[in-house]
C-alpha atoms as a PDB file:
ATOM      1  CA  MET A   1     157.858 214.833  52.305  1.00  0.00           C
ATOM      2  CA  SER A   2     157.134 214.833  56.760  1.00  0.00           C
ATOM      3  CA  ALA A   3     153.771 215.931  57.646  1.00  0.00           C
ATOM      4  CA  GLU A   4     153.930 218.790  59.789  1.00  0.00           C
ATOM      5  CA  PRO A   5     154.048 217.732  63.528  1.00  0.00           C
ATOM      6  CA  LEU A   6     150.861 217.436  66.066  1.00  0.00           C
ATOM      7  CA  VAL A   7     151.076 220.533  68.717  1.00  0.00           C
ATOM      8  CA  THR A   8     148.302 220.888  71.154  1.00  0.00           C
ATOM      9  CA  PRO A   9     145.957 223.560  70.768  1.00  0.00           C
ATOM     10  CA  ASP A  10     148.096 225.756  73.138  1.00  0.00           C
ATOM     11  CA  GLY A  11     151.321 225.600  71.493  1.00  0.00           C
ATOM     12  CA  ARG A  12     153.337 224.121  74.241  1.00  0.00           C
ATOM     13  CA  TYR A  13     154.161 220.708  72.984  1.00  0.00           C
ATOM     14  CA  LEU A  14     154.830 218.635  69.756  1.00  0.00           C
ATOM     15  CA  VAL A  15     153.253 214.843  69.893  1.00  0.00           C
ATOM     16  CA  VAL A  16     155.894 212.393  68.492  1.00  0.00           C
ATOM     17  CA  ARG A  17     154.430 208.934  68.954  1.00  0.00           C
ATOM     18  CA  GLY A  18     151.917 210.323  71.395  1.00  0.00           C
ATOM     19  CA  ARG A  19     154.535 212.007  74.050  1.00  0.00           C
ATOM     20  CA  LEU A  20     154.665 215.683  74.572  1.00  0.00           C
ATOM     21  CA  TRP A  21     157.880 217.025  73.605  1.00  0.00           C
ATOM     22  CA  ARG A  22     157.919 221.254  74.659  1.00  0.00           C
ATOM     23  CA  ARG A  23     158.763 223.766  72.368  1.00  0.00           C
ATOM     24  CA  THR A  24     160.813 226.229  71.819  1.00  0.00           C
ATOM     25  CA  ASP A  25     159.714 229.759  73.482  1.00  0.00           C
ATOM     26  CA  PRO A  26     157.925 231.884  71.061  1.00  0.00           C
ATOM     27  CA  ARG A  27     159.048 235.096  72.496  1.00  0.00           C
ATOM     28  CA  LEU A  28     162.340 234.345  71.301  1.00  0.00           C
ATOM     29  CA  ASP A  29     162.825 236.821  68.111  1.00  0.00           C
ATOM     30  CA  GLU A  30     163.642 234.823  64.957  1.00  0.00           C
ATOM     31  CA  ALA A  31     167.713 235.321  65.193  1.00  0.00           C
ATOM     32  CA  THR A  32     167.835 234.279  68.649  1.00  0.00           C
ATOM     33  CA  ARG A  33     165.970 231.561  67.762  1.00  0.00           C
ATOM     34  CA  ALA A  34     168.146 230.394  64.759  1.00  0.00           C
ATOM     35  CA  SER A  35     172.233 230.810  66.648  1.00  0.00           C
ATOM     36  CA  LEU A  36     170.580 228.984  69.309  1.00  0.00           C
ATOM     37  CA  VAL A  37     169.224 226.043  66.605  1.00  0.00           C
ATOM     38  CA  HIS A  38     172.793 226.546  65.599  1.00  0.00           C
ATOM     39  CA  ASP A  39     174.194 225.473  68.455  1.00  0.00           C
ATOM     40  CA  LEU A  40     172.413 222.748  69.134  1.00  0.00           C
ATOM     41  CA  MET A  41     172.939 221.573  66.079  1.00  0.00           C
ATOM     42  CA  GLU A  42     176.770 221.824  66.348  1.00  0.00           C
ATOM     43  CA  ALA A  43     176.792 219.980  69.961  1.00  0.00           C
ATOM     44  CA  ARG A  44     174.901 216.823  69.077  1.00  0.00           C
ATOM     45  CA  ARG A  45     177.267 216.992  65.911  1.00  0.00           C
ATOM     46  CA  ALA A  46     180.252 217.090  68.843  1.00  0.00           C
ATOM     47  CA  LYS A  47     178.452 214.633  70.623  1.00  0.00           C
ATOM     48  CA  LYS A  48     178.245 211.904  68.029  1.00  0.00           C
ATOM     49  CA  THR A  49     181.750 212.704  66.816  1.00  0.00           C
ATOM     50  CA  ALA A  50     183.066 212.028  70.488  1.00  0.00           C
ATOM     51  CA  LEU A  51     181.227 209.014  70.704  1.00  0.00           C
ATOM     52  CA  ALA A  52     182.851 207.538  67.906  1.00  0.00           C
ATOM     53  CA  ALA A  53     186.211 208.360  69.428  1.00  0.00           C
ATOM     54  CA  ASP A  54     185.320 207.287  72.657  1.00  0.00           C
ATOM     55  CA  ASP A  55     186.086 210.505  74.248  1.00  0.00           C
ATOM     56  CA  ALA A  56     184.440 210.660  77.859  1.00  0.00           C
ATOM     57  CA  ALA A  57     185.573 214.519  78.717  1.00  0.00           C
ATOM     58  CA  ALA A  58     184.386 215.741  75.423  1.00  0.00           C
ATOM     59  CA  VAL A  59     180.735 213.756  75.836  1.00  0.00           C
ATOM     60  CA  GLU A  60     180.316 215.226  78.909  1.00  0.00           C
ATOM     61  CA  ASP A  61     181.336 218.867  77.550  1.00  0.00           C
ATOM     62  CA  ALA A  62     178.772 218.552  74.008  1.00  0.00           C
ATOM     63  CA  ARG A  63     176.488 217.075  76.536  1.00  0.00           C
ATOM     64  CA  ALA A  64     176.230 220.078  78.913  1.00  0.00           C
ATOM     65  CA  ARG A  65     176.178 222.599  75.822  1.00  0.00           C
ATOM     66  CA  VAL A  66     173.340 220.560  73.668  1.00  0.00           C
ATOM     67  CA  ASP A  67     171.512 221.115  77.497  1.00  0.00           C
ATOM     68  CA  ALA A  68     172.849 225.112  77.893  1.00  0.00           C
ATOM     69  CA  ALA A  69     171.258 225.674  74.128  1.00  0.00           C
ATOM     70  CA  LYS A  70     167.933 223.254  74.854  1.00  0.00           C
ATOM     71  CA  THR A  71     167.359 225.589  78.202  1.00  0.00           C
ATOM     72  CA  SER A  72     167.901 228.595  76.395  1.00  0.00           C
ATOM     73  CA  LEU A  73     165.812 228.046  73.100  1.00  0.00           C
ATOM     74  CA  GLY A  74     162.869 226.768  76.192  1.00  0.00           C
ATOM     75  CA  GLU A  75     162.616 223.455  75.822  1.00  0.00           C
ATOM     76  CA  ARG A  76     163.956 223.093  79.244  1.00  0.00           C
ATOM     77  CA  GLY A  77     164.268 224.179  82.326  1.00  0.00           C
ATOM     78  CA  PRO A  78     162.266 226.681  83.723  1.00  0.00           C
ATOM     79  CA  VAL A  79     158.791 226.862  81.224  1.00  0.00           C
ATOM     80  CA  TRP A  80     158.113 229.580  79.160  1.00  0.00           C
ATOM     81  CA  TRP A  81     154.155 230.239  80.241  1.00  0.00           C
ATOM     82  CA  ASP A  82     153.060 232.233  83.148  1.00  0.00           C
ATOM     83  CA  ASP A  83     149.391 230.456  84.332  1.00  0.00           C
ATOM     84  CA  ASP A  84     151.500 228.055  86.532  1.00  0.00           C
ATOM     85  CA  ALA A  85     150.405 225.167  84.139  1.00  0.00           C
ATOM     86  CA  PRO A  86     152.774 222.181  85.336  1.00  0.00           C
ATOM     87  CA  ASP A  87     155.179 221.422  82.671  1.00  0.00           C
ATOM     88  CA  GLU A  88     154.134 218.023  81.093  1.00  0.00           C
ATOM     89  CA  THR A  89     157.050 217.318  79.019  1.00  0.00           C
ATOM     90  CA  ARG A  90     158.294 213.320  78.203  1.00  0.00           C
ATOM     91  CA  ARG A  91     154.269 212.542  79.436  1.00  0.00           C
ATOM     92  CA  MET A  92     152.330 210.172  76.804  1.00  0.00           C
ATOM     93  CA  ALA A  93     149.209 212.595  75.858  1.00  0.00           C
ATOM     94  CA  ARG A  94     147.177 210.518  76.422  1.00  0.00           C
ATOM     95  CA  ASN A  95     147.721 211.061  80.579  1.00  0.00           C
ATOM     96  CA  THR A  96     147.940 214.809  80.746  1.00  0.00           C
ATOM     97  CA  ARG A  97     145.328 217.708  80.269  1.00  0.00           C
ATOM     98  CA  TYR A  98     145.753 216.842  76.552  1.00  0.00           C
ATOM     99  CA  ALA A  99     143.917 213.563  76.845  1.00  0.00           C
ATOM    100  CA  ASP A 100     140.425 214.546  75.500  1.00  0.00           C
ATOM    101  CA  TRP A 101     142.083 216.819  72.336  1.00  0.00           C
ATOM    102  CA  PHE A 102     144.586 214.232  71.771  1.00  0.00           C
ATOM    103  CA  ALA A 103     141.785 211.162  72.014  1.00  0.00           C
ATOM    104  CA  ASP A 104     139.865 212.884  69.104  1.00  0.00           C
ATOM    105  CA  VAL A 105     142.376 213.378  66.826  1.00  0.00           C
ATOM    106  CA  GLU A 106     143.853 209.890  67.099  1.00  0.00           C
ATOM    107  CA  ALA A 107     139.942 209.053  66.117  1.00  0.00           C
ATOM    108  CA  ASP A 108     140.070 211.581  63.333  1.00  0.00           C
ATOM    109  CA  ALA A 109     143.184 210.020  61.681  1.00  0.00           C
ATOM    110  CA  ALA A 110     141.369 206.305  62.148  1.00  0.00           C
ATOM    111  CA  THR A 111     138.756 207.865  60.248  1.00  0.00           C
ATOM    112  CA  ASN A 112     141.369 209.386  57.406  1.00  0.00           C
END
């Protein structure tokens, strides 16, 4: 059983191995979110199949579908928040405005 992913205090990012990854737009209703996640998973499976078949055109099509789903989920493209905070996706948490918070989280984890 895996632990819940670490989420920044403002809920914008997941932290995976110290790196920030934008979360899904929380304004999406559950049915829309579920449909988009289903589309994303189908596109990822299509990409895997296309890679195994060495079908470059199908790989590109699947990649475009993955990108479209992730953009619709709010994980790529324009940010879903409206306070003009920059997108810090893919940056190491220790090098962002979350640095102090992340240092505290790491310190707590080291003592437990």
